[in-house]
Every structure is written in C-alpha cells, then in structure tokens.
Amino acid sequence: MLKGKKVIVFGERDDIPATTVSTCLKAAGAEVVYENNACFV
C-alpha cells in the first residue's frame, strides 16, 4: 500500500521513537526521506 511513497517521520522521545515508525514504514514499502525525534511538552 505504501510502495513507492516517500514519507517524513516524526517520533516522540518518551513515547514511540521515529526509528521504530520508520522500520515499520520501510517494511510496508515506503521510502523514509526524513526522520526526527522530538520532545513534546
């Protein structure tokens, strides 16, 4: 479903990190062009 799509991933430092989301999206066929973790307070 995501094959060939480019995605930008934002993760949260204390919750779900961007690397985890990126891994799932790559497995679904997406190309991760940017990933970043942030602290939302």
C-alpha atoms as a PDB file:
ATOM      1  CA  MET A   1       0.000   0.000   0.000  1.00  0.00           C
ATOM      2  CA  LEU A   2       2.892   2.389   0.670  1.00  0.00           C
ATOM      3  CA  LYS A   3       5.181   1.045  -2.032  1.00  0.00           C
ATOM      4  CA  GLY A   4       6.911   3.894  -3.830  1.00  0.00           C
ATOM      5  CA  LYS A   5       5.628   6.564  -1.420  1.00  0.00           C
ATOM      6  CA  LYS A   6       8.015   8.995   0.265  1.00  0.00           C
ATOM      7  CA  VAL A   7       7.348   9.723   3.926  1.00  0.00           C
ATOM      8  CA  ILE A   8       8.538  12.070   6.660  1.00  0.00           C
ATOM      9  CA  VAL A   9       8.500  10.583  10.154  1.00  0.00           C
ATOM     10  CA  PHE A  10       8.308  12.453  13.446  1.00  0.00           C
ATOM     11  CA  GLY A  11       8.716  10.446  16.622  1.00  0.00           C
ATOM     12  CA  GLU A  12       8.444  11.344  20.276  1.00  0.00           C
ATOM     13  CA  ARG A  13      11.382  10.898  22.605  1.00  0.00           C
ATOM     14  CA  ASP A  14       9.394   9.434  25.517  1.00  0.00           C
ATOM     15  CA  ASP A  15       6.787   7.515  23.522  1.00  0.00           C
ATOM     16  CA  ILE A  16       7.321   5.934  20.100  1.00  0.00           C
ATOM     17  CA  PRO A  17      10.672   6.872  18.529  1.00  0.00           C
ATOM     18  CA  ALA A  18      10.955   7.765  14.863  1.00  0.00           C
ATOM     19  CA  THR A  19      13.266   4.811  14.186  1.00  0.00           C
ATOM     20  CA  THR A  20      10.522   2.379  15.212  1.00  0.00           C
ATOM     21  CA  VAL A  21       7.956   4.031  12.958  1.00  0.00           C
ATOM     22  CA  SER A  22      10.487   4.203  10.112  1.00  0.00           C
ATOM     23  CA  THR A  23      11.208   0.489  10.378  1.00  0.00           C
ATOM     24  CA  CYS A  24       7.505  -0.329  10.058  1.00  0.00           C
ATOM     25  CA  LEU A  25       7.023   2.026   7.121  1.00  0.00           C
ATOM     26  CA  LYS A  26      10.065   0.643   5.295  1.00  0.00           C
ATOM     27  CA  ALA A  27       8.675  -2.869   5.752  1.00  0.00           C
ATOM     28  CA  ALA A  28       5.439  -1.655   4.135  1.00  0.00           C
ATOM     29  CA  GLY A  29       7.402  -0.402   1.115  1.00  0.00           C
ATOM     30  CA  ALA A  30       7.707   3.319   1.877  1.00  0.00           C
ATOM     31  CA  GLU A  31      10.873   5.346   1.388  1.00  0.00           C
ATOM     32  CA  VAL A  32      11.728   7.357   4.508  1.00  0.00           C
ATOM     33  CA  VAL A  33      13.261  10.638   3.368  1.00  0.00           C
ATOM     34  CA  TYR A  34      13.476  12.273   6.811  1.00  0.00           C
ATOM     35  CA  GLU A  35      13.052  11.141  10.395  1.00  0.00           C
ATOM     36  CA  ASN A  36      13.295  13.127  13.593  1.00  0.00           C
ATOM     37  CA  ASN A  37      12.643  12.622  17.298  1.00  0.00           C
ATOM     38  CA  ALA A  38      11.265  15.467  19.368  1.00  0.00           C
ATOM     39  CA  CYS A  39      10.223  16.119  22.939  1.00  0.00           C
ATOM     40  CA  PHE A  40       6.683  17.449  23.060  1.00  0.00           C
ATOM     41  CA  VAL A  41       5.886  19.042  26.398  1.00  0.00           C
END
